[in-house]
Amino acid sequence: LHARAAGVLARLDEDIRPDTRLGSLS
């Protein structure tokens, strides 16, 4: 789960940890 999430976040060029709670994001 975290590996695939990290891959797509890298493609989006987003510096976000996969385990971050979504509600804390802008």
PDB file of all heavy atoms in Angstrom:
ATOM      1  N   LEU A   1       0.830  -1.205   0.000  1.00  0.00           N
ATOM      2  CA  LEU A   1       0.000   0.000   0.000  1.00  0.00           C
ATOM      3  C   LEU A   1       0.863   1.254   0.000  1.00  0.00           C
ATOM      4  O   LEU A   1       0.686   2.160  -0.823  1.00  0.00           O
ATOM      5  CB  LEU A   1      -0.936  -0.013   1.216  1.00  0.00           C
ATOM      6  CG  LEU A   1      -1.757   1.257   1.480  1.00  0.00           C
ATOM      7  CD1 LEU A   1      -2.769   1.481   0.364  1.00  0.00           C
ATOM      8  CD2 LEU A   1      -2.471   1.148   2.828  1.00  0.00           C
ATOM      9  N   HIS A   2       1.836   1.303   0.907  1.00  0.00           N
ATOM     10  CA  HIS A   2       2.679   2.492   1.031  1.00  0.00           C
ATOM     11  C   HIS A   2       3.625   2.634  -0.149  1.00  0.00           C
ATOM     12  O   HIS A   2       3.913   3.758  -0.590  1.00  0.00           O
ATOM     13  CB  HIS A   2       3.445   2.445   2.350  1.00  0.00           C
ATOM     14  CG  HIS A   2       2.616   2.821   3.534  1.00  0.00           C
ATOM     15  ND1 HIS A   2       3.018   3.749   4.470  1.00  0.00           N
ATOM     16  CD2 HIS A   2       1.387   2.418   3.918  1.00  0.00           C
ATOM     17  CE1 HIS A   2       2.075   3.886   5.387  1.00  0.00           C
ATOM     18  NE2 HIS A   2       1.075   3.077   5.069  1.00  0.00           N
ATOM     19  N   ALA A   3       4.106   1.515  -0.689  1.00  0.00           N
ATOM     20  CA  ALA A   3       5.006   1.586  -1.836  1.00  0.00           C
ATOM     21  C   ALA A   3       4.289   2.159  -3.061  1.00  0.00           C
ATOM     22  O   ALA A   3       4.828   3.031  -3.765  1.00  0.00           O
ATOM     23  CB  ALA A   3       5.562   0.205  -2.148  1.00  0.00           C
ATOM     24  N   ARG A   4       3.078   1.691  -3.323  1.00  0.00           N
ATOM     25  CA  ARG A   4       2.328   2.179  -4.481  1.00  0.00           C
ATOM     26  C   ARG A   4       1.893   3.630  -4.280  1.00  0.00           C
ATOM     27  O   ARG A   4       1.922   4.432  -5.230  1.00  0.00           O
ATOM     28  CB  ARG A   4       1.117   1.283  -4.739  1.00  0.00           C
ATOM     29  CG  ARG A   4       1.508  -0.140  -5.160  1.00  0.00           C
ATOM     30  CD  ARG A   4       0.303  -1.026  -5.406  1.00  0.00           C
ATOM     31  NE  ARG A   4      -0.485  -0.562  -6.535  1.00  0.00           N
ATOM     32  CZ  ARG A   4      -1.623  -1.142  -6.922  1.00  0.00           C
ATOM     33  NH1 ARG A   4      -2.081  -2.201  -6.261  1.00  0.00           N
ATOM     34  NH2 ARG A   4      -2.287  -0.674  -7.957  1.00  0.00           N
ATOM     35  N   ALA A   5       1.534   3.971  -3.051  1.00  0.00           N
ATOM     36  CA  ALA A   5       1.162   5.361  -2.759  1.00  0.00           C
ATOM     37  C   ALA A   5       2.354   6.292  -2.939  1.00  0.00           C
ATOM     38  O   ALA A   5       2.231   7.372  -3.520  1.00  0.00           O
ATOM     39  CB  ALA A   5       0.608   5.473  -1.339  1.00  0.00           C
ATOM     40  N   ALA A   6       3.511   5.870  -2.445  1.00  0.00           N
ATOM     41  CA  ALA A   6       4.715   6.690  -2.579  1.00  0.00           C
ATOM     42  C   ALA A   6       5.065   6.907  -4.044  1.00  0.00           C
ATOM     43  O   ALA A   6       5.508   7.995  -4.434  1.00  0.00           O
ATOM     44  CB  ALA A   6       5.885   6.038  -1.846  1.00  0.00           C
ATOM     45  N   GLY A   7       4.848   5.898  -4.870  1.00  0.00           N
ATOM     46  CA  GLY A   7       5.149   6.008  -6.287  1.00  0.00           C
ATOM     47  C   GLY A   7       4.290   7.046  -6.984  1.00  0.00           C
ATOM     48  O   GLY A   7       4.801   7.873  -7.756  1.00  0.00           O
ATOM     49  N   VAL A   8       2.990   7.038  -6.704  1.00  0.00           N
ATOM     50  CA  VAL A   8       2.115   7.997  -7.374  1.00  0.00           C
ATOM     51  C   VAL A   8       2.319   9.403  -6.814  1.00  0.00           C
ATOM     52  O   VAL A   8       2.222  10.398  -7.549  1.00  0.00           O
ATOM     53  CB  VAL A   8       0.635   7.564  -7.269  1.00  0.00           C
ATOM     54  CG1 VAL A   8       0.056   7.854  -5.884  1.00  0.00           C
ATOM     55  CG2 VAL A   8      -0.205   8.272  -8.332  1.00  0.00           C
ATOM     56  N   LEU A   9       2.633   9.538  -5.526  1.00  0.00           N
ATOM     57  CA  LEU A   9       2.921  10.863  -4.952  1.00  0.00           C
ATOM     58  C   LEU A   9       4.186  11.447  -5.579  1.00  0.00           C
ATOM     59  O   LEU A   9       4.270  12.662  -5.805  1.00  0.00           O
ATOM     60  CB  LEU A   9       3.065  10.762  -3.437  1.00  0.00           C
ATOM     61  CG  LEU A   9       1.769  10.479  -2.663  1.00  0.00           C
ATOM     62  CD1 LEU A   9       2.074  10.170  -1.200  1.00  0.00           C
ATOM     63  CD2 LEU A   9       0.808  11.661  -2.769  1.00  0.00           C
ATOM     64  N   ALA A  10       5.155  10.588  -5.858  1.00  0.00           N
ATOM     65  CA  ALA A  10       6.371  11.055  -6.524  1.00  0.00           C
ATOM     66  C   ALA A  10       6.050  11.526  -7.946  1.00  0.00           C
ATOM     67  O   ALA A  10       6.587  12.542  -8.407  1.00  0.00           O
ATOM     68  CB  ALA A  10       7.416   9.945  -6.556  1.00  0.00           C
ATOM     69  N   ARG A  11       5.176  10.794  -8.641  1.00  0.00           N
ATOM     70  CA  ARG A  11       4.786  11.203  -9.991  1.00  0.00           C
ATOM     71  C   ARG A  11       4.068  12.549  -9.965  1.00  0.00           C
ATOM     72  O   ARG A  11       4.223  13.369 -10.880  1.00  0.00           O
ATOM     73  CB  ARG A  11       3.882  10.143 -10.621  1.00  0.00           C
ATOM     74  CG  ARG A  11       3.475  10.477 -12.053  1.00  0.00           C
ATOM     75  CD  ARG A  11       2.649   9.371 -12.682  1.00  0.00           C
ATOM     76  NE  ARG A  11       2.211   9.754 -14.019  1.00  0.00           N
ATOM     77  CZ  ARG A  11       1.396   9.029 -14.764  1.00  0.00           C
ATOM     78  NH1 ARG A  11       0.937   7.856 -14.319  1.00  0.00           N
ATOM     79  NH2 ARG A  11       1.034   9.450 -15.972  1.00  0.00           N
ATOM     80  N   LEU A  12       3.286  12.789  -8.904  1.00  0.00           N
ATOM     81  CA  LEU A  12       2.591  14.061  -8.749  1.00  0.00           C
ATOM     82  C   LEU A  12       3.515  15.166  -8.244  1.00  0.00           C
ATOM     83  O   LEU A  12       3.116  16.321  -8.177  1.00  0.00           O
ATOM     84  CB  LEU A  12       1.421  13.901  -7.770  1.00  0.00           C
ATOM     85  CG  LEU A  12       0.251  13.032  -8.246  1.00  0.00           C
ATOM     86  CD1 LEU A  12      -0.690  12.734  -7.085  1.00  0.00           C
ATOM     87  CD2 LEU A  12      -0.498  13.716  -9.383  1.00  0.00           C
ATOM     88  N   ASP A  13       4.751  14.790  -7.871  1.00  0.00           N
ATOM     89  CA  ASP A  13       5.721  15.737  -7.327  1.00  0.00           C
ATOM     90  C   ASP A  13       5.203  16.359  -6.033  1.00  0.00           C
ATOM     91  O   ASP A  13       5.380  17.544  -5.775  1.00  0.00           O
ATOM     92  CB  ASP A  13       6.048  16.827  -8.348  1.00  0.00           C
ATOM     93  CG  ASP A  13       7.317  17.595  -7.987  1.00  0.00           C
ATOM     94  OD1 ASP A  13       8.151  17.041  -7.238  1.00  0.00           O
ATOM     95  OD2 ASP A  13       7.465  18.753  -8.433  1.00  0.00           O
ATOM     96  N   GLU A  14       4.557  15.516  -5.203  1.00  0.00           N
ATOM     97  CA  GLU A  14       4.008  15.980  -3.928  1.00  0.00           C
ATOM     98  C   GLU A  14       4.847  15.434  -2.771  1.00  0.00           C
ATOM     99  O   GLU A  14       5.047  14.219  -2.659  1.00  0.00           O
ATOM    100  CB  GLU A  14       2.556  15.527  -3.760  1.00  0.00           C
ATOM    101  CG  GLU A  14       1.575  16.304  -4.611  1.00  0.00           C
ATOM    102  CD  GLU A  14       1.449  17.750  -4.184  1.00  0.00           C
ATOM    103  OE1 GLU A  14       1.527  18.033  -2.973  1.00  0.00           O
ATOM    104  OE2 GLU A  14       1.287  18.616  -5.070  1.00  0.00           O
ATOM    105  N   ASP A  15       5.324  16.318  -1.931  1.00  0.00           N
ATOM    106  CA  ASP A  15       6.125  15.933  -0.767  1.00  0.00           C
ATOM    107  C   ASP A  15       5.195  15.625   0.405  1.00  0.00           C
ATOM    108  O   ASP A  15       5.092  16.386   1.367  1.00  0.00           O
ATOM    109  CB  ASP A  15       7.097  17.052  -0.414  1.00  0.00           C
ATOM    110  CG  ASP A  15       8.061  16.648   0.714  1.00  0.00           C
ATOM    111  OD1 ASP A  15       8.220  15.431   0.939  1.00  0.00           O
ATOM    112  OD2 ASP A  15       8.630  17.558   1.354  1.00  0.00           O
ATOM    113  N   ILE A  16       4.490  14.504   0.302  1.00  0.00           N
ATOM    114  CA  ILE A  16       3.519  14.082   1.314  1.00  0.00           C
ATOM    115  C   ILE A  16       3.824  12.644   1.688  1.00  0.00           C
ATOM    116  O   ILE A  16       4.007  11.788   0.822  1.00  0.00           O
ATOM    117  CB  ILE A  16       2.069  14.175   0.777  1.00  0.00           C
ATOM    118  CG1 ILE A  16       1.739  15.595   0.291  1.00  0.00           C
ATOM    119  CG2 ILE A  16       1.071  13.740   1.846  1.00  0.00           C
ATOM    120  CD1 ILE A  16       0.405  15.688  -0.422  1.00  0.00           C
ATOM    121  N   ARG A  17       3.858  12.355   2.990  1.00  0.00           N
ATOM    122  CA  ARG A  17       4.063  10.983   3.447  1.00  0.00           C
ATOM    123  C   ARG A  17       2.779  10.184   3.246  1.00  0.00           C
ATOM    124  O   ARG A  17       1.679  10.669   3.542  1.00  0.00           O
ATOM    125  CB  ARG A  17       4.457  10.970   4.924  1.00  0.00           C
ATOM    126  CG  ARG A  17       5.864  11.499   5.203  1.00  0.00           C
ATOM    127  CD  ARG A  17       6.100  11.576   6.711  1.00  0.00           C
ATOM    128  NE  ARG A  17       5.816  10.301   7.379  1.00  0.00           N
ATOM    129  CZ  ARG A  17       6.706   9.330   7.535  1.00  0.00           C
ATOM    130  NH1 ARG A  17       7.949   9.490   7.077  1.00  0.00           N
ATOM    131  NH2 ARG A  17       6.378   8.211   8.159  1.00  0.00           N
ATOM    132  N   PRO A  18       2.881   8.936   2.771  1.00  0.00           N
ATOM    133  CA  PRO A  18       1.688   8.118   2.551  1.00  0.00           C
ATOM    134  C   PRO A  18       0.851   7.892   3.809  1.00  0.00           C
ATOM    135  O   PRO A  18      -0.365   7.709   3.712  1.00  0.00           O
ATOM    136  CB  PRO A  18       2.258   6.792   2.029  1.00  0.00           C
ATOM    137  CG  PRO A  18       3.567   7.165   1.413  1.00  0.00           C
ATOM    138  CD  PRO A  18       4.104   8.265   2.266  1.00  0.00           C
ATOM    139  N   ASP A  19       1.514   7.907   4.995  1.00  0.00           N
ATOM    140  CA  ASP A  19       0.765   7.649   6.227  1.00  0.00           C
ATOM    141  C   ASP A  19       0.176   8.907   6.842  1.00  0.00           C
ATOM    142  O   ASP A  19      -0.421   8.866   7.917  1.00  0.00           O
ATOM    143  CB  ASP A  19       1.650   6.933   7.258  1.00  0.00           C
ATOM    144  CG  ASP A  19       2.918   7.727   7.588  1.00  0.00           C
ATOM    145  OD1 ASP A  19       3.128   8.802   6.998  1.00  0.00           O
ATOM    146  OD2 ASP A  19       3.705   7.250   8.445  1.00  0.00           O
ATOM    147  N   THR A  20       0.315  10.052   6.176  1.00  0.00           N
ATOM    148  CA  THR A  20      -0.261  11.297   6.675  1.00  0.00           C
ATOM    149  C   THR A  20      -1.782  11.218   6.674  1.00  0.00           C
ATOM    150  O   THR A  20      -2.393  10.718   5.722  1.00  0.00           O
ATOM    151  CB  THR A  20       0.182  12.485   5.799  1.00  0.00           C
ATOM    152  OG1 THR A  20       1.599  12.572   5.796  1.00  0.00           O
ATOM    153  CG2 THR A  20      -0.402  13.792   6.312  1.00  0.00           C
ATOM    154  N   ARG A  21      -2.406  11.709   7.746  1.00  0.00           N
ATOM    155  CA  ARG A  21      -3.875  11.765   7.795  1.00  0.00           C
ATOM    156  C   ARG A  21      -4.360  12.776   6.759  1.00  0.00           C
ATOM    157  O   ARG A  21      -3.917  13.911   6.726  1.00  0.00           O
ATOM    158  CB  ARG A  21      -4.338  12.176   9.192  1.00  0.00           C
ATOM    159  CG  ARG A  21      -5.849  12.305   9.342  1.00  0.00           C
ATOM    160  CD  ARG A  21      -6.220  12.689  10.774  1.00  0.00           C
ATOM    161  NE  ARG A  21      -7.608  13.078  10.870  1.00  0.00           N
ATOM    162  CZ  ARG A  21      -8.062  14.311  10.656  1.00  0.00           C
ATOM    163  NH1 ARG A  21      -7.207  15.274  10.317  1.00  0.00           N
ATOM    164  NH2 ARG A  21      -9.344  14.600  10.774  1.00  0.00           N
ATOM    165  N   LEU A  22      -5.280  12.368   5.898  1.00  0.00           N
ATOM    166  CA  LEU A  22      -5.705  13.223   4.798  1.00  0.00           C
ATOM    167  C   LEU A  22      -6.291  14.541   5.299  1.00  0.00           C
ATOM    168  O   LEU A  22      -6.079  15.588   4.687  1.00  0.00           O
ATOM    169  CB  LEU A  22      -6.740  12.500   3.931  1.00  0.00           C
ATOM    170  CG  LEU A  22      -7.125  13.332   2.703  1.00  0.00           C
ATOM    171  CD1 LEU A  22      -6.576  12.725   1.443  1.00  0.00           C
ATOM    172  CD2 LEU A  22      -8.621  13.537   2.622  1.00  0.00           C
ATOM    173  N   GLY A  23      -7.017  14.511   6.414  1.00  0.00           N
ATOM    174  CA  GLY A  23      -7.660  15.716   6.922  1.00  0.00           C
ATOM    175  C   GLY A  23      -6.690  16.810   7.319  1.00  0.00           C
ATOM    176  O   GLY A  23      -7.091  17.972   7.475  1.00  0.00           O
ATOM    177  N   SER A  24      -5.411  16.486   7.468  1.00  0.00           N
ATOM    178  CA  SER A  24      -4.419  17.492   7.846  1.00  0.00           C
ATOM    179  C   SER A  24      -3.848  18.230   6.636  1.00  0.00           C
ATOM    180  O   SER A  24      -3.088  19.191   6.801  1.00  0.00           O
ATOM    181  CB  SER A  24      -3.268  16.837   8.619  1.00  0.00           C
ATOM    182  OG  SER A  24      -2.520  15.966   7.776  1.00  0.00           O
ATOM    183  N   LEU A  25      -4.213  17.819   5.425  1.00  0.00           N
ATOM    184  CA  LEU A  25      -3.683  18.438   4.211  1.00  0.00           C
ATOM    185  C   LEU A  25      -4.519  19.644   3.799  1.00  0.00           C
ATOM    186  O   LEU A  25      -5.690  19.775   4.156  1.00  0.00           O
ATOM    187  CB  LEU A  25      -3.678  17.419   3.065  1.00  0.00           C
ATOM    188  CG  LEU A  25      -2.871  16.139   3.261  1.00  0.00           C
ATOM    189  CD1 LEU A  25      -2.963  15.282   2.008  1.00  0.00           C
ATOM    190  CD2 LEU A  25      -1.424  16.439   3.596  1.00  0.00           C
ATOM    191  N   SER A  26      -3.908  20.521   3.012  1.00  0.00           N
ATOM    192  CA  SER A  26      -4.632  21.644   2.441  1.00  0.00           C
ATOM    193  C   SER A  26      -5.595  21.128   1.374  1.00  0.00           C
ATOM    194  O   SER A  26      -5.477  19.994   0.890  1.00  0.00           O
ATOM    195  CB  SER A  26      -3.669  22.643   1.805  1.00  0.00           C
ATOM    196  OG  SER A  26      -3.057  22.075   0.653  1.00  0.00           O
TER     197      SER A  26
END
